[in-house]
Amino acid sequence: MQGRCFSCVIANTKSPGTLPGGVPHGIGLLNVQQRLRLLYPQQHRFEIDARDDTFTVHLTLKLPEPGPARPSRARHPFPALTAGSRRSGAARPSPPGLTPRRA
C-alpha cells in the first residue's frame, strides 16, 4: 500500500484451452470486473495477463479518504456467534423474529 493506493498481483495456474461453450475464462473474472466498476468507478485498475498455463491479475485500488473516527455503537445481531463468545455445548439462540423448531 502506498498512500491511498492498494496494489496486489495474483497469479494462478490454469488448464489450457477454453471452458465449454468457447468461453475463454471463468465467470469469476467477469464478476470481479463488474464489482470493481460498481464499487470503485474510475478508481481502479484491473489487468489480466492470460498465458497458456497461468493467469496473472494486477489490481490497483484508489482508496477513499478515511472519515472522522466515531465510536461504534452497533451491536452484533447474534452476539452468541461473535468470535470467542461461543462455549462448547452452549445452545445457539434463534435469530430475532424466528422461533426454534420443536421436534
Protein backbone atom coordinates (compact mmCIF):
# COMPACT_ATOMS: atom_id res chain seq x y z
CA MET A 1 0.00 0.00 0.00
CA GLN A 2 1.38 3.37 -0.96
CA GLY A 3 -0.51 6.44 0.21
CA ARG A 4 -4.20 5.83 -0.53
CA CYS A 5 -3.49 3.19 -3.22
CA PHE A 6 -3.69 -0.54 -2.64
CA SER A 7 -1.94 -2.77 -5.19
CA CYS A 8 -1.61 -6.51 -5.48
CA VAL A 9 -0.61 -9.14 -8.01
CA ILE A 10 -2.30 -12.54 -8.01
CA ALA A 11 -1.08 -15.44 -10.13
CA ASN A 12 -2.70 -18.83 -10.64
CA THR A 13 -2.13 -21.81 -12.89
CA LYS A 14 -4.85 -22.84 -15.34
CA SER A 15 -5.75 -25.66 -17.65
CA PRO A 16 -5.03 -24.99 -21.31
CA GLY A 17 -7.93 -24.28 -23.65
CA THR A 18 -11.33 -22.75 -23.05
CA LEU A 19 -14.37 -23.60 -21.00
CA PRO A 20 -17.33 -25.40 -22.57
CA GLY A 21 -19.18 -23.13 -24.95
CA GLY A 22 -15.98 -21.38 -26.05
CA VAL A 23 -15.77 -19.10 -23.01
CA PRO A 24 -12.09 -18.08 -22.71
CA HIS A 25 -12.23 -17.53 -18.93
CA GLY A 26 -14.50 -18.26 -16.00
CA ILE A 27 -17.34 -16.13 -14.73
CA GLY A 28 -15.31 -15.20 -11.63
CA LEU A 29 -13.17 -12.67 -13.50
CA LEU A 30 -16.26 -11.11 -15.08
CA ASN A 31 -17.87 -10.78 -11.63
CA VAL A 32 -14.74 -9.14 -10.23
CA GLN A 33 -14.64 -6.63 -13.08
CA GLN A 34 -18.32 -5.77 -12.65
CA ARG A 35 -17.98 -5.31 -8.89
CA LEU A 36 -14.93 -3.09 -9.31
CA ARG A 37 -16.86 -0.89 -11.78
CA LEU A 38 -19.70 -0.57 -9.24
CA LEU A 39 -17.63 -0.13 -6.06
CA TYR A 40 -14.63 1.81 -7.41
CA PRO A 41 -15.80 3.71 -10.52
CA GLN A 42 -12.83 5.45 -12.16
CA GLN A 43 -10.81 4.50 -9.04
CA HIS A 44 -9.33 1.13 -10.01
CA ARG A 45 -7.10 -0.62 -12.49
CA PHE A 46 -7.62 -4.32 -13.22
CA GLU A 47 -5.34 -6.01 -15.73
CA ILE A 48 -5.33 -9.67 -16.69
CA ASP A 49 -2.32 -11.36 -18.26
CA ALA A 50 -3.63 -14.69 -19.61
CA ARG A 51 -0.98 -17.10 -20.84
CA ASP A 52 -1.24 -20.74 -21.88
CA ASP A 53 -0.73 -22.09 -18.36
CA THR A 54 -1.22 -19.10 -15.99
CA PHE A 55 -3.41 -16.11 -15.20
CA THR A 56 -1.80 -13.10 -13.57
CA VAL A 57 -4.03 -10.30 -12.31
CA HIS A 58 -2.73 -6.84 -11.39
CA LEU A 59 -5.16 -4.87 -9.23
CA THR A 60 -4.80 -1.28 -8.03
CA LEU A 61 -7.47 0.49 -5.97
CA LYS A 62 -7.55 4.16 -5.07
CA LEU A 63 -9.00 4.06 -1.57
CA PRO A 64 -11.27 6.81 -0.23
CA GLU A 65 -10.01 9.17 2.44
CA PRO A 66 -10.95 7.95 5.90
CA GLY A 67 -13.82 9.81 7.55
CA PRO A 68 -13.75 11.10 11.13
CA ALA A 69 -13.42 8.37 13.74
CA ARG A 70 -16.66 7.57 15.51
CA PRO A 71 -17.19 5.13 18.33
CA SER A 72 -19.11 2.07 17.22
CA ARG A 73 -22.45 1.70 18.95
CA ALA A 74 -23.77 -1.07 16.76
CA ARG A 75 -24.41 -4.42 18.38
CA HIS A 76 -23.83 -7.67 16.63
CA PRO A 77 -27.27 -9.13 15.74
CA PHE A 78 -26.25 -12.54 17.06
CA PRO A 79 -23.89 -11.90 19.99
CA ALA A 80 -23.55 -15.61 20.75
CA LEU A 81 -21.93 -16.13 17.34
CA THR A 82 -19.21 -13.50 17.67
CA ALA A 83 -15.61 -14.69 17.95
CA GLY A 84 -14.65 -16.03 21.33
CA SER A 85 -18.15 -15.96 22.79
CA ARG A 86 -19.29 -19.49 21.90
CA ARG A 87 -18.88 -22.03 24.63
CA SER A 88 -18.81 -25.71 23.89
CA GLY A 89 -22.20 -27.28 24.40
CA ALA A 90 -23.98 -23.92 24.58
CA ALA A 91 -27.22 -23.69 22.64
CA ARG A 92 -27.32 -21.15 19.83
CA PRO A 93 -30.03 -18.50 20.15
CA SER A 94 -32.64 -18.15 17.42
CA PRO A 95 -32.34 -15.05 15.23
CA PRO A 96 -34.77 -12.25 16.16
CA GLY A 97 -38.28 -12.91 14.81
CA LEU A 98 -37.74 -16.66 14.40
CA THR A 99 -38.85 -19.33 16.78
CA PRO A 100 -36.96 -22.59 17.16
CA ARG A 101 -38.47 -25.77 15.71
CA ARG A 102 -39.71 -28.31 18.13
CA ALA A 103 -39.26 -31.96 17.38
